[in-house]
Amino acid sequence: MRMSKADVIDRLTSDKLIAMVRADTAQEIRTLARALAAGGIRNWEIPMICPAIPDFLAEVSADFPEFQFGLSTVVDTETARRGILAGAQFISTPALRPEVILLCRRYQVPVICGVHSAAEMDAALIAGADALKLYPSETRFGPTHMRETRAALPDELLFPVGGVTPTNVHHFFEAGADAAFVSSCLRDPTESKLPPPSSISDAAAALVKALTVQSSVSA
């Protein structure tokens, strides 16, 4: 059963961590979803590394009712539609794609728009993006960029991506992040061979623990 748009967004912001790691087959999606869940991460944005990813997701999504899948690097409406029908609960674009945003709004599916500059942020919000995937800027990186963007956009959903690790993840949230994408610390993007599932689980658990510890200290 598809969650409401509001519930999907609430889940992303309450869980705080969104995995963004590649999977090359339906079986890899199953393996990685189990590994991520074992480590405490229940949201996964699967990159569109090949046209068959929505087909793989369609085979798997119903088997993980407690897991929230999204589709990443979506650049056209047909891919977005295929992903939504396959079970993706949210769609992410690498840059401004007004036509993809419009389709997602028609389906009542959250869309996260990748942005680099202030102009792109404004354009994405005007087009109707539900959240901004905040890439590092040319002159700013990490929590500093997050903090500056939050000051400029106090009321928008901001999800930073790039360089988030167990060591610094709490800094991104202290700087105002609503959720964060985690990638290379879970799976090396340069390695084609799937790592042992236990290493994925351990890396996910380290991220969750880092946030939990920081939350306890802040409280």
N, C-alpha and C. Protein backbone atom coordinates (compact mmCIF):
# COMPACT_ATOMS: atom_id res chain seq x y z
N MET A 1 0.84 -1.20 0.00
CA MET A 1 0.00 0.00 0.00
C MET A 1 0.88 1.26 0.00
N ARG A 2 0.58 2.19 -0.89
CA ARG A 2 1.38 3.40 -0.99
C ARG A 2 1.08 4.34 0.16
N MET A 3 2.15 4.87 0.77
CA MET A 3 1.99 5.84 1.84
C MET A 3 1.59 7.18 1.25
N SER A 4 0.96 8.01 2.06
CA SER A 4 0.62 9.35 1.61
C SER A 4 1.90 10.16 1.46
N LYS A 5 1.81 11.20 0.66
CA LYS A 5 2.96 12.07 0.44
C LYS A 5 3.47 12.65 1.75
N ALA A 6 2.57 13.11 2.59
CA ALA A 6 2.96 13.69 3.87
C ALA A 6 3.66 12.66 4.75
N ASP A 7 3.16 11.41 4.73
CA ASP A 7 3.76 10.37 5.56
C ASP A 7 5.16 10.00 5.08
N VAL A 8 5.35 9.99 3.77
CA VAL A 8 6.68 9.68 3.22
C VAL A 8 7.68 10.74 3.66
N ILE A 9 7.30 11.99 3.52
CA ILE A 9 8.20 13.08 3.92
C ILE A 9 8.48 13.03 5.42
N ASP A 10 7.43 12.77 6.21
CA ASP A 10 7.60 12.69 7.65
C ASP A 10 8.56 11.56 8.02
N ARG A 11 8.46 10.44 7.33
CA ARG A 11 9.36 9.31 7.58
C ARG A 11 10.80 9.68 7.25
N LEU A 12 11.02 10.36 6.13
CA LEU A 12 12.37 10.75 5.75
C LEU A 12 12.98 11.68 6.79
N THR A 13 12.21 12.64 7.25
CA THR A 13 12.76 13.64 8.18
C THR A 13 12.86 13.11 9.61
N SER A 14 12.04 12.14 9.96
CA SER A 14 12.13 11.58 11.31
C SER A 14 13.24 10.54 11.39
N ASP A 15 13.41 9.75 10.33
CA ASP A 15 14.50 8.76 10.31
C ASP A 15 15.85 9.44 10.08
N LYS A 16 15.84 10.52 9.33
CA LYS A 16 16.99 11.39 9.11
C LYS A 16 18.03 10.88 8.12
N LEU A 17 18.17 9.58 7.95
CA LEU A 17 19.20 9.04 7.07
C LEU A 17 18.58 8.37 5.85
N ILE A 18 19.12 8.71 4.68
CA ILE A 18 18.66 8.11 3.42
C ILE A 18 19.88 7.52 2.73
N ALA A 19 19.90 6.21 2.58
CA ALA A 19 21.00 5.57 1.87
C ALA A 19 20.92 5.92 0.38
N MET A 20 22.07 6.08 -0.24
CA MET A 20 22.13 6.31 -1.68
C MET A 20 23.28 5.48 -2.23
N VAL A 21 22.99 4.20 -2.45
CA VAL A 21 24.01 3.27 -2.91
C VAL A 21 23.49 2.50 -4.11
N ARG A 22 24.39 2.10 -4.98
CA ARG A 22 24.02 1.42 -6.21
C ARG A 22 23.63 -0.03 -5.94
N ALA A 23 22.78 -0.54 -6.83
CA ALA A 23 22.46 -1.96 -6.87
C ALA A 23 22.33 -2.34 -8.33
N ASP A 24 22.90 -3.47 -8.71
CA ASP A 24 22.97 -3.84 -10.12
C ASP A 24 21.94 -4.87 -10.55
N THR A 25 21.30 -5.51 -9.58
CA THR A 25 20.32 -6.55 -9.88
C THR A 25 19.21 -6.52 -8.83
N ALA A 26 18.13 -7.24 -9.11
CA ALA A 26 17.06 -7.35 -8.12
C ALA A 26 17.55 -8.04 -6.86
N GLN A 27 18.41 -9.04 -7.03
CA GLN A 27 18.94 -9.74 -5.86
C GLN A 27 19.81 -8.82 -5.02
N GLU A 28 20.57 -7.95 -5.66
CA GLU A 28 21.37 -6.99 -4.88
C GLU A 28 20.48 -6.02 -4.11
N ILE A 29 19.36 -5.64 -4.70
CA ILE A 29 18.42 -4.77 -3.97
C ILE A 29 17.93 -5.50 -2.72
N ARG A 30 17.57 -6.76 -2.85
CA ARG A 30 17.12 -7.53 -1.69
C ARG A 30 18.22 -7.60 -0.62
N THR A 31 19.42 -7.93 -1.07
CA THR A 31 20.53 -8.11 -0.12
C THR A 31 20.84 -6.80 0.60
N LEU A 32 20.91 -5.72 -0.16
CA LEU A 32 21.26 -4.43 0.44
C LEU A 32 20.14 -3.90 1.32
N ALA A 33 18.90 -4.11 0.93
CA ALA A 33 17.78 -3.65 1.77
C ALA A 33 17.81 -4.35 3.12
N ARG A 34 18.05 -5.65 3.12
CA ARG A 34 18.15 -6.38 4.39
C ARG A 34 19.32 -5.87 5.23
N ALA A 35 20.45 -5.62 4.57
CA ALA A 35 21.64 -5.17 5.28
C ALA A 35 21.43 -3.78 5.87
N LEU A 36 20.85 -2.89 5.09
CA LEU A 36 20.58 -1.53 5.58
C LEU A 36 19.60 -1.56 6.75
N ALA A 37 18.54 -2.35 6.61
CA ALA A 37 17.55 -2.44 7.68
C ALA A 37 18.16 -3.01 8.96
N ALA A 38 19.05 -3.98 8.80
CA ALA A 38 19.70 -4.57 9.97
C ALA A 38 20.56 -3.54 10.71
N GLY A 39 21.08 -2.55 9.95
CA GLY A 39 21.88 -1.50 10.56
C GLY A 39 21.07 -0.31 11.02
N GLY A 40 19.76 -0.31 10.75
CA GLY A 40 18.89 0.75 11.25
C GLY A 40 18.51 1.81 10.24
N ILE A 41 18.86 1.62 8.96
CA ILE A 41 18.45 2.57 7.92
C ILE A 41 17.31 1.96 7.13
N ARG A 42 16.19 2.68 7.03
CA ARG A 42 14.98 2.15 6.39
C ARG A 42 14.59 2.91 5.14
N ASN A 43 15.43 3.84 4.70
CA ASN A 43 15.15 4.63 3.50
C ASN A 43 16.32 4.49 2.55
N TRP A 44 16.01 4.18 1.30
CA TRP A 44 17.09 3.93 0.33
C TRP A 44 16.68 4.51 -1.02
N GLU A 45 17.49 5.42 -1.51
CA GLU A 45 17.31 5.99 -2.84
C GLU A 45 18.23 5.25 -3.81
N ILE A 46 17.65 4.48 -4.71
CA ILE A 46 18.44 3.64 -5.62
C ILE A 46 18.77 4.42 -6.89
N PRO A 47 20.05 4.58 -7.21
CA PRO A 47 20.43 5.33 -8.41
C PRO A 47 20.02 4.60 -9.69
N MET A 48 19.64 5.38 -10.69
CA MET A 48 19.28 4.84 -12.00
C MET A 48 20.55 4.59 -12.81
N ILE A 49 21.29 3.54 -12.43
CA ILE A 49 22.53 3.26 -13.13
C ILE A 49 22.30 2.50 -14.43
N CYS A 50 21.08 1.95 -14.60
CA CYS A 50 20.72 1.29 -15.86
C CYS A 50 19.20 1.35 -16.00
N PRO A 51 18.69 1.23 -17.24
CA PRO A 51 17.23 1.37 -17.46
C PRO A 51 16.39 0.32 -16.74
N ALA A 52 17.01 -0.79 -16.33
CA ALA A 52 16.23 -1.89 -15.73
C ALA A 52 15.97 -1.70 -14.25
N ILE A 53 16.51 -0.66 -13.63
CA ILE A 53 16.35 -0.49 -12.17
C ILE A 53 14.87 -0.50 -11.75
N PRO A 54 13.96 0.22 -12.44
CA PRO A 54 12.54 0.14 -12.03
C PRO A 54 11.98 -1.28 -12.11
N ASP A 55 12.44 -2.06 -13.10
CA ASP A 55 11.99 -3.45 -13.21
C ASP A 55 12.48 -4.27 -12.02
N PHE A 56 13.74 -4.04 -11.63
CA PHE A 56 14.27 -4.74 -10.46
C PHE A 56 13.49 -4.35 -9.21
N LEU A 57 13.21 -3.07 -9.08
CA LEU A 57 12.47 -2.59 -7.91
C LEU A 57 11.08 -3.19 -7.85
N ALA A 58 10.43 -3.33 -9.00
CA ALA A 58 9.09 -3.91 -9.05
C ALA A 58 9.09 -5.35 -8.52
N GLU A 59 10.19 -6.08 -8.74
CA GLU A 59 10.29 -7.46 -8.26
C GLU A 59 10.41 -7.52 -6.74
N VAL A 60 10.95 -6.46 -6.15
CA VAL A 60 11.41 -6.52 -4.76
C VAL A 60 10.54 -5.74 -3.79
N SER A 61 10.01 -4.60 -4.22
CA SER A 61 9.43 -3.64 -3.28
C SER A 61 8.34 -4.22 -2.39
N ALA A 62 7.49 -5.09 -2.92
CA ALA A 62 6.40 -5.65 -2.12
C ALA A 62 6.90 -6.56 -1.00
N ASP A 63 8.14 -7.05 -1.12
CA ASP A 63 8.69 -7.94 -0.10
C ASP A 63 9.22 -7.19 1.11
N PHE A 64 9.27 -5.84 1.02
CA PHE A 64 9.82 -5.02 2.10
C PHE A 64 8.83 -3.92 2.48
N PRO A 65 7.68 -4.29 3.07
CA PRO A 65 6.64 -3.29 3.35
C PRO A 65 7.06 -2.22 4.35
N GLU A 66 8.05 -2.51 5.20
CA GLU A 66 8.50 -1.53 6.19
C GLU A 66 9.66 -0.67 5.68
N PHE A 67 10.09 -0.94 4.46
CA PHE A 67 11.22 -0.23 3.89
C PHE A 67 10.70 0.81 2.91
N GLN A 68 11.37 1.94 2.84
CA GLN A 68 10.94 3.02 1.95
C GLN A 68 11.97 3.20 0.83
N PHE A 69 11.60 2.78 -0.38
CA PHE A 69 12.47 2.90 -1.53
C PHE A 69 12.20 4.20 -2.28
N GLY A 70 13.26 4.79 -2.80
CA GLY A 70 13.13 5.91 -3.71
C GLY A 70 13.97 5.64 -4.94
N LEU A 71 13.80 6.47 -5.94
CA LEU A 71 14.57 6.33 -7.18
C LEU A 71 15.35 7.60 -7.41
N SER A 72 16.64 7.43 -7.70
CA SER A 72 17.55 8.57 -7.80
C SER A 72 18.02 8.76 -9.25
N THR A 73 18.54 9.97 -9.50
CA THR A 73 19.09 10.33 -10.82
C THR A 73 18.03 10.18 -11.90
N VAL A 74 16.83 10.61 -11.59
CA VAL A 74 15.72 10.54 -12.55
C VAL A 74 15.71 11.82 -13.39
N VAL A 75 15.81 11.66 -14.70
CA VAL A 75 15.95 12.84 -15.57
C VAL A 75 14.79 13.00 -16.55
N ASP A 76 13.81 12.08 -16.55
CA ASP A 76 12.69 12.21 -17.48
C ASP A 76 11.43 11.63 -16.86
N THR A 77 10.30 12.01 -17.42
CA THR A 77 9.01 11.62 -16.85
C THR A 77 8.73 10.13 -16.98
N GLU A 78 9.19 9.50 -18.05
CA GLU A 78 8.93 8.08 -18.22
C GLU A 78 9.63 7.27 -17.14
N THR A 79 10.86 7.63 -16.83
CA THR A 79 11.58 6.94 -15.76
C THR A 79 10.89 7.17 -14.42
N ALA A 80 10.47 8.39 -14.17
CA ALA A 80 9.77 8.69 -12.92
C ALA A 80 8.49 7.86 -12.81
N ARG A 81 7.72 7.81 -13.88
CA ARG A 81 6.46 7.05 -13.88
C ARG A 81 6.73 5.57 -13.64
N ARG A 82 7.73 5.01 -14.32
CA ARG A 82 8.07 3.59 -14.13
C ARG A 82 8.50 3.33 -12.69
N GLY A 83 9.27 4.25 -12.13
CA GLY A 83 9.71 4.08 -10.75
C GLY A 83 8.55 4.10 -9.77
N ILE A 84 7.64 5.04 -9.96
CA ILE A 84 6.48 5.14 -9.07
C ILE A 84 5.62 3.88 -9.16
N LEU A 85 5.36 3.40 -10.37
CA LEU A 85 4.55 2.20 -10.54
C LEU A 85 5.26 0.96 -9.99
N ALA A 86 6.61 1.01 -9.93
CA ALA A 86 7.38 -0.12 -9.41
C ALA A 86 7.43 -0.13 -7.89
N GLY A 87 6.99 0.97 -7.26
CA GLY A 87 6.98 1.00 -5.80
C GLY A 87 7.84 2.06 -5.16
N ALA A 88 8.47 2.92 -5.96
CA ALA A 88 9.25 4.01 -5.38
C ALA A 88 8.33 4.97 -4.65
N GLN A 89 8.65 5.28 -3.40
CA GLN A 89 7.84 6.17 -2.59
C GLN A 89 8.24 7.63 -2.76
N PHE A 90 9.42 7.87 -3.33
CA PHE A 90 9.85 9.23 -3.63
C PHE A 90 10.81 9.20 -4.81
N ILE A 91 10.92 10.34 -5.47
CA ILE A 91 11.74 10.47 -6.68
C ILE A 91 12.75 11.59 -6.45
N SER A 92 13.95 11.40 -6.96
CA SER A 92 15.00 12.41 -6.81
C SER A 92 15.62 12.71 -8.16
N THR A 93 15.79 13.98 -8.47
CA THR A 93 16.41 14.40 -9.72
C THR A 93 17.80 14.95 -9.44
N PRO A 94 18.74 14.81 -10.40
CA PRO A 94 20.09 15.32 -10.18
C PRO A 94 20.20 16.83 -10.37
N ALA A 95 19.20 17.41 -11.01
CA ALA A 95 19.17 18.85 -11.28
C ALA A 95 17.71 19.23 -11.54
N LEU A 96 17.49 20.47 -11.87
CA LEU A 96 16.12 20.93 -12.10
C LEU A 96 15.49 20.22 -13.29
N ARG A 97 14.37 19.56 -13.06
CA ARG A 97 13.61 18.89 -14.10
C ARG A 97 12.13 19.21 -13.86
N PRO A 98 11.66 20.38 -14.33
CA PRO A 98 10.28 20.79 -14.05
C PRO A 98 9.24 19.77 -14.47
N GLU A 99 9.48 19.07 -15.58
CA GLU A 99 8.50 18.10 -16.06
C GLU A 99 8.40 16.90 -15.12
N VAL A 100 9.53 16.51 -14.51
CA VAL A 100 9.51 15.40 -13.55
C VAL A 100 8.80 15.84 -12.27
N ILE A 101 9.08 17.06 -11.84
CA ILE A 101 8.40 17.60 -10.65
C ILE A 101 6.89 17.61 -10.87
N LEU A 102 6.45 18.06 -12.04
CA LEU A 102 5.02 18.12 -12.35
C LEU A 102 4.40 16.73 -12.32
N LEU A 103 5.06 15.75 -12.91
CA LEU A 103 4.51 14.39 -12.91
C LEU A 103 4.39 13.86 -11.50
N CYS A 104 5.41 14.08 -10.68
CA CYS A 104 5.37 13.60 -9.29
C CYS A 104 4.24 14.26 -8.51
N ARG A 105 4.00 15.52 -8.77
CA ARG A 105 2.90 16.21 -8.10
C ARG A 105 1.56 15.62 -8.52
N ARG A 106 1.45 15.24 -9.78
CA ARG A 106 0.21 14.61 -10.25
C ARG A 106 -0.03 13.28 -9.55
N TYR A 107 1.06 12.53 -9.33
CA TYR A 107 0.96 11.23 -8.65
C TYR A 107 0.95 11.37 -7.13
N GLN A 108 1.13 12.58 -6.63
CA GLN A 108 1.22 12.84 -5.19
C GLN A 108 2.37 12.06 -4.55
N VAL A 109 3.51 12.11 -5.24
CA VAL A 109 4.73 11.46 -4.78
C VAL A 109 5.78 12.54 -4.52
N PRO A 110 6.43 12.53 -3.36
CA PRO A 110 7.44 13.55 -3.08
C PRO A 110 8.58 13.53 -4.10
N VAL A 111 9.04 14.71 -4.46
CA VAL A 111 10.16 14.82 -5.39
C VAL A 111 11.23 15.70 -4.75
N ILE A 112 12.46 15.20 -4.77
CA ILE A 112 13.61 15.90 -4.20
C ILE A 112 14.49 16.34 -5.35
N CYS A 113 14.75 17.63 -5.42
CA CYS A 113 15.45 18.19 -6.58
C CYS A 113 16.89 18.52 -6.21
N GLY A 114 17.83 18.00 -6.99
CA GLY A 114 19.24 18.31 -6.78
C GLY A 114 19.57 19.73 -7.20
N VAL A 115 20.28 20.45 -6.34
CA VAL A 115 20.61 21.86 -6.62
C VAL A 115 22.04 22.15 -6.20
N HIS A 116 22.66 23.10 -6.93
CA HIS A 116 24.02 23.53 -6.60
C HIS A 116 24.08 25.01 -6.20
N SER A 117 23.25 25.83 -6.84
CA SER A 117 23.35 27.27 -6.65
C SER A 117 22.05 27.84 -6.08
N ALA A 118 22.12 29.09 -5.63
CA ALA A 118 20.93 29.76 -5.11
C ALA A 118 19.86 29.89 -6.19
N ALA A 119 20.30 30.16 -7.42
CA ALA A 119 19.34 30.29 -8.52
C ALA A 119 18.62 28.96 -8.77
N GLU A 120 19.34 27.85 -8.70
CA GLU A 120 18.72 26.55 -8.90
C GLU A 120 17.75 26.23 -7.76
N MET A 121 18.11 26.63 -6.55
CA MET A 121 17.20 26.41 -5.41
C MET A 121 15.89 27.15 -5.62
N ASP A 122 15.97 28.40 -6.01
CA ASP A 122 14.76 29.19 -6.24
C ASP A 122 13.91 28.57 -7.34
N ALA A 123 14.56 28.17 -8.43
CA ALA A 123 13.83 27.60 -9.57
C ALA A 123 13.15 26.29 -9.18
N ALA A 124 13.84 25.46 -8.40
CA ALA A 124 13.26 24.18 -7.99
C ALA A 124 12.04 24.39 -7.09
N LEU A 125 12.14 25.32 -6.18
CA LEU A 125 11.02 25.58 -5.27
C LEU A 125 9.83 26.18 -6.02
N ILE A 126 10.09 27.07 -6.97
CA ILE A 126 9.02 27.64 -7.78
C ILE A 126 8.32 26.56 -8.59
N ALA A 127 9.12 25.58 -9.08
CA ALA A 127 8.56 24.49 -9.88
C ALA A 127 7.75 23.51 -9.04
N GLY A 128 7.92 23.54 -7.71
CA GLY A 128 7.12 22.69 -6.84
C GLY A 128 7.85 21.54 -6.18
N ALA A 129 9.18 21.58 -6.16
CA ALA A 129 9.93 20.52 -5.48
C ALA A 129 9.56 20.49 -3.99
N ASP A 130 9.48 19.28 -3.44
CA ASP A 130 9.13 19.13 -2.03
C ASP A 130 10.34 19.31 -1.12
N ALA A 131 11.52 19.01 -1.63
CA ALA A 131 12.75 19.14 -0.84
C ALA A 131 13.89 19.37 -1.81
N LEU A 132 14.99 19.90 -1.27
CA LEU A 132 16.18 20.17 -2.06
C LEU A 132 17.30 19.23 -1.64
N LYS A 133 17.89 18.57 -2.63
CA LYS A 133 19.09 17.76 -2.39
C LYS A 133 20.27 18.70 -2.57
N LEU A 134 20.92 19.01 -1.47
CA LEU A 134 21.91 20.08 -1.45
C LEU A 134 23.30 19.54 -1.75
N TYR A 135 23.74 19.73 -3.00
CA TYR A 135 25.09 19.34 -3.38
C TYR A 135 26.09 20.38 -2.86
N PRO A 136 27.33 19.96 -2.64
CA PRO A 136 28.35 20.95 -2.27
C PRO A 136 28.47 22.03 -3.34
N SER A 137 28.68 23.27 -2.93
CA SER A 137 28.88 24.35 -3.88
C SER A 137 30.35 24.41 -4.27
N GLU A 138 30.69 25.26 -5.21
CA GLU A 138 32.07 25.38 -5.66
C GLU A 138 32.97 25.93 -4.56
N THR A 139 32.43 26.74 -3.67
CA THR A 139 33.25 27.39 -2.66
C THR A 139 32.96 26.92 -1.24
N ARG A 140 31.89 26.14 -1.07
CA ARG A 140 31.53 25.67 0.26
C ARG A 140 31.27 24.17 0.22
N PHE A 141 31.57 23.51 1.34
CA PHE A 141 31.35 22.07 1.41
C PHE A 141 30.91 21.72 2.82
N GLY A 142 30.08 20.69 2.91
CA GLY A 142 29.74 20.14 4.21
C GLY A 142 28.84 21.01 5.05
N PRO A 143 28.99 20.92 6.36
CA PRO A 143 28.10 21.65 7.28
C PRO A 143 28.11 23.17 7.06
N THR A 144 29.23 23.73 6.62
CA THR A 144 29.28 25.17 6.38
C THR A 144 28.28 25.56 5.30
N HIS A 145 28.28 24.81 4.21
CA HIS A 145 27.33 25.07 3.12
C HIS A 145 25.90 24.86 3.60
N MET A 146 25.70 23.82 4.40
CA MET A 146 24.38 23.53 4.94
C MET A 146 23.89 24.69 5.81
N ARG A 147 24.75 25.19 6.66
CA ARG A 147 24.38 26.28 7.57
C ARG A 147 24.03 27.55 6.80
N GLU A 148 24.81 27.88 5.79
CA GLU A 148 24.56 29.09 5.00
C GLU A 148 23.25 28.97 4.23
N THR A 149 22.99 27.78 3.71
CA THR A 149 21.75 27.58 2.95
C THR A 149 20.54 27.62 3.88
N ARG A 150 20.67 27.05 5.06
CA ARG A 150 19.56 27.10 6.02
C ARG A 150 19.23 28.53 6.41
N ALA A 151 20.25 29.36 6.56
CA ALA A 151 20.01 30.77 6.90
C ALA A 151 19.23 31.46 5.78
N ALA A 152 19.51 31.08 4.54
CA ALA A 152 18.82 31.71 3.40
C ALA A 152 17.43 31.13 3.18
N LEU A 153 17.24 29.85 3.55
CA LEU A 153 15.96 29.17 3.32
C LEU A 153 15.50 28.52 4.63
N PRO A 154 15.01 29.30 5.56
CA PRO A 154 14.70 28.76 6.89
C PRO A 154 13.53 27.79 6.93
N ASP A 155 12.65 27.82 5.93
CA ASP A 155 11.42 27.04 6.00
C ASP A 155 11.36 25.87 5.01
N GLU A 156 12.43 25.65 4.25
CA GLU A 156 12.40 24.60 3.23
C GLU A 156 13.07 23.33 3.74
N LEU A 157 12.70 22.19 3.13
CA LEU A 157 13.32 20.92 3.48
C LEU A 157 14.65 20.80 2.74
N LEU A 158 15.72 20.63 3.50
CA LEU A 158 17.07 20.58 2.93
C LEU A 158 17.73 19.25 3.30
N PHE A 159 18.15 18.52 2.26
CA PHE A 159 18.78 17.21 2.45
C PHE A 159 20.19 17.26 1.84
N PRO A 160 21.23 17.45 2.62
CA PRO A 160 22.58 17.49 2.06
C PRO A 160 23.05 16.13 1.57
N VAL A 161 23.93 16.15 0.59
CA VAL A 161 24.53 14.93 0.05
C VAL A 161 26.00 15.21 -0.22
N GLY A 162 26.83 14.21 0.03
CA GLY A 162 28.25 14.36 -0.25
C GLY A 162 29.08 14.51 1.00
N GLY A 163 29.88 13.51 1.31
CA GLY A 163 30.80 13.60 2.43
C GLY A 163 30.21 13.37 3.80
N VAL A 164 29.00 12.84 3.88
CA VAL A 164 28.38 12.58 5.19
C VAL A 164 28.91 11.25 5.74
N THR A 165 29.48 11.28 6.92
CA THR A 165 30.09 10.11 7.55
C THR A 165 29.66 10.03 9.02
N PRO A 166 29.94 8.90 9.69
CA PRO A 166 29.63 8.84 11.12
C PRO A 166 30.35 9.91 11.94
N THR A 167 31.50 10.36 11.46
CA THR A 167 32.27 11.35 12.19
C THR A 167 31.62 12.73 12.16
N ASN A 168 31.01 13.07 11.01
CA ASN A 168 30.50 14.44 10.87
C ASN A 168 28.99 14.55 10.71
N VAL A 169 28.27 13.42 10.71
CA VAL A 169 26.84 13.47 10.39
C VAL A 169 26.09 14.41 11.33
N HIS A 170 26.48 14.43 12.61
CA HIS A 170 25.75 15.28 13.55
C HIS A 170 25.97 16.76 13.26
N HIS A 171 27.11 17.10 12.65
CA HIS A 171 27.35 18.50 12.30
C HIS A 171 26.36 19.00 11.24
N PHE A 172 26.00 18.12 10.31
CA PHE A 172 25.03 18.51 9.29
C PHE A 172 23.67 18.83 9.90
N PHE A 173 23.28 18.06 10.91
CA PHE A 173 21.98 18.31 11.54
C PHE A 173 22.04 19.51 12.49
N GLU A 174 23.16 19.71 13.12
CA GLU A 174 23.33 20.93 13.92
C GLU A 174 23.26 22.17 13.04
N ALA A 175 23.68 22.01 11.77
CA ALA A 175 23.66 23.13 10.83
C ALA A 175 22.30 23.34 10.18
N GLY A 176 21.34 22.43 10.46
CA GLY A 176 19.98 22.65 9.98
C GLY A 176 19.44 21.66 8.98
N ALA A 177 20.13 20.55 8.73
CA ALA A 177 19.62 19.56 7.79
C ALA A 177 18.35 18.91 8.32
N ASP A 178 17.42 18.61 7.41
CA ASP A 178 16.20 17.89 7.77
C ASP A 178 16.39 16.39 7.64
N ALA A 179 17.23 15.98 6.71
CA ALA A 179 17.64 14.59 6.52
C ALA A 179 18.95 14.65 5.76
N ALA A 180 19.65 13.53 5.65
CA ALA A 180 20.93 13.53 4.93
C ALA A 180 21.07 12.26 4.12
N PHE A 181 21.63 12.40 2.93
CA PHE A 181 21.95 11.24 2.10
C PHE A 181 23.32 10.70 2.52
N VAL A 182 23.42 9.38 2.61
CA VAL A 182 24.70 8.74 2.95
C VAL A 182 25.03 7.73 1.86
N SER A 183 26.25 7.79 1.38
CA SER A 183 26.58 6.99 0.20
C SER A 183 27.90 6.25 0.34
N SER A 184 29.01 6.95 0.11
CA SER A 184 30.30 6.27 0.01
C SER A 184 30.73 5.61 1.30
N CYS A 185 30.23 6.08 2.44
CA CYS A 185 30.60 5.42 3.70
C CYS A 185 29.86 4.10 3.87
N LEU A 186 28.84 3.85 3.03
CA LEU A 186 28.12 2.58 3.06
C LEU A 186 28.67 1.61 2.02
N ARG A 187 28.93 2.12 0.82
CA ARG A 187 29.46 1.29 -0.26
C ARG A 187 30.34 2.14 -1.16
N ASP A 188 31.55 1.71 -1.39
CA ASP A 188 32.48 2.43 -2.25
C ASP A 188 31.92 2.45 -3.67
N PRO A 189 31.62 3.63 -4.21
CA PRO A 189 31.01 3.68 -5.55
C PRO A 189 31.94 3.23 -6.66
N THR A 190 33.24 3.16 -6.38
CA THR A 190 34.20 2.72 -7.42
C THR A 190 34.32 1.21 -7.48
N GLU A 191 33.78 0.50 -6.49
CA GLU A 191 33.87 -0.96 -6.45
C GLU A 191 32.62 -1.57 -7.07
N SER A 192 32.82 -2.40 -8.09
CA SER A 192 31.68 -3.04 -8.75
C SER A 192 31.18 -4.26 -7.98
N LYS A 193 32.05 -4.91 -7.24
CA LYS A 193 31.67 -6.11 -6.49
C LYS A 193 30.91 -5.71 -5.23
N LEU A 194 29.82 -6.40 -4.97
CA LEU A 194 29.01 -6.12 -3.78
C LEU A 194 29.81 -6.49 -2.54
N PRO A 195 29.95 -5.56 -1.59
CA PRO A 195 30.67 -5.88 -0.35
C PRO A 195 29.86 -6.83 0.52
N PRO A 196 30.49 -7.43 1.53
CA PRO A 196 29.74 -8.31 2.44
C PRO A 196 28.59 -7.55 3.08
N PRO A 197 27.41 -8.12 3.15
CA PRO A 197 26.26 -7.43 3.76
C PRO A 197 26.55 -6.94 5.18
N SER A 198 27.37 -7.69 5.91
CA SER A 198 27.67 -7.28 7.28
C SER A 198 28.40 -5.94 7.33
N SER A 199 29.22 -5.65 6.31
CA SER A 199 29.92 -4.37 6.30
C SER A 199 28.96 -3.22 6.05
N ILE A 200 27.93 -3.47 5.24
CA ILE A 200 26.89 -2.46 5.01
C ILE A 200 26.12 -2.22 6.31
N SER A 201 25.75 -3.32 6.98
CA SER A 201 25.01 -3.20 8.24
C SER A 201 25.82 -2.46 9.29
N ASP A 202 27.10 -2.78 9.38
CA ASP A 202 27.96 -2.13 10.37
C ASP A 202 28.10 -0.63 10.09
N ALA A 203 28.25 -0.29 8.81
CA ALA A 203 28.38 1.13 8.44
C ALA A 203 27.10 1.89 8.72
N ALA A 204 25.97 1.26 8.42
CA ALA A 204 24.67 1.89 8.70
C ALA A 204 24.49 2.08 10.20
N ALA A 205 24.83 1.06 10.97
CA ALA A 205 24.68 1.14 12.42
C ALA A 205 25.57 2.23 13.01
N ALA A 206 26.76 2.43 12.44
CA ALA A 206 27.66 3.48 12.92
C ALA A 206 27.05 4.86 12.71
N LEU A 207 26.39 5.06 11.58
CA LEU A 207 25.72 6.33 11.31
C LEU A 207 24.57 6.57 12.28
N VAL A 208 23.76 5.54 12.46
CA VAL A 208 22.62 5.66 13.37
C VAL A 208 23.09 5.92 14.79
N LYS A 209 24.14 5.22 15.21
CA LYS A 209 24.67 5.41 16.55
C LYS A 209 25.20 6.82 16.75
N ALA A 210 25.89 7.34 15.72
CA ALA A 210 26.45 8.69 15.83
C ALA A 210 25.34 9.72 16.03
N LEU A 211 24.23 9.55 15.34
CA LEU A 211 23.11 10.47 15.51
C LEU A 211 22.44 10.29 16.87
N THR A 212 22.29 9.04 17.29
CA THR A 212 21.64 8.76 18.57
C THR A 212 22.44 9.33 19.73
N VAL A 213 23.75 9.14 19.68
CA VAL A 213 24.62 9.67 20.74
C VAL A 213 24.54 11.18 20.81
N GLN A 214 24.58 11.83 19.64
CA GLN A 214 24.53 13.27 19.61
C GLN A 214 23.19 13.80 20.11
N SER A 215 22.11 13.10 19.77
CA SER A 215 20.78 13.50 20.24
C SER A 215 20.70 13.42 21.75
N SER A 216 21.30 12.38 22.32
CA SER A 216 21.30 12.21 23.77
C SER A 216 22.09 13.32 24.45
N VAL A 217 23.23 13.68 23.86
CA VAL A 217 24.06 14.74 24.42
C VAL A 217 23.33 16.08 24.37
N SER A 218 22.67 16.34 23.21
CA SER A 218 21.94 17.60 23.04
C SER A 218 20.78 17.72 24.01
N ALA A 219 20.11 16.57 24.27
CA ALA A 219 18.98 16.57 25.20
C ALA A 219 19.44 16.85 26.62
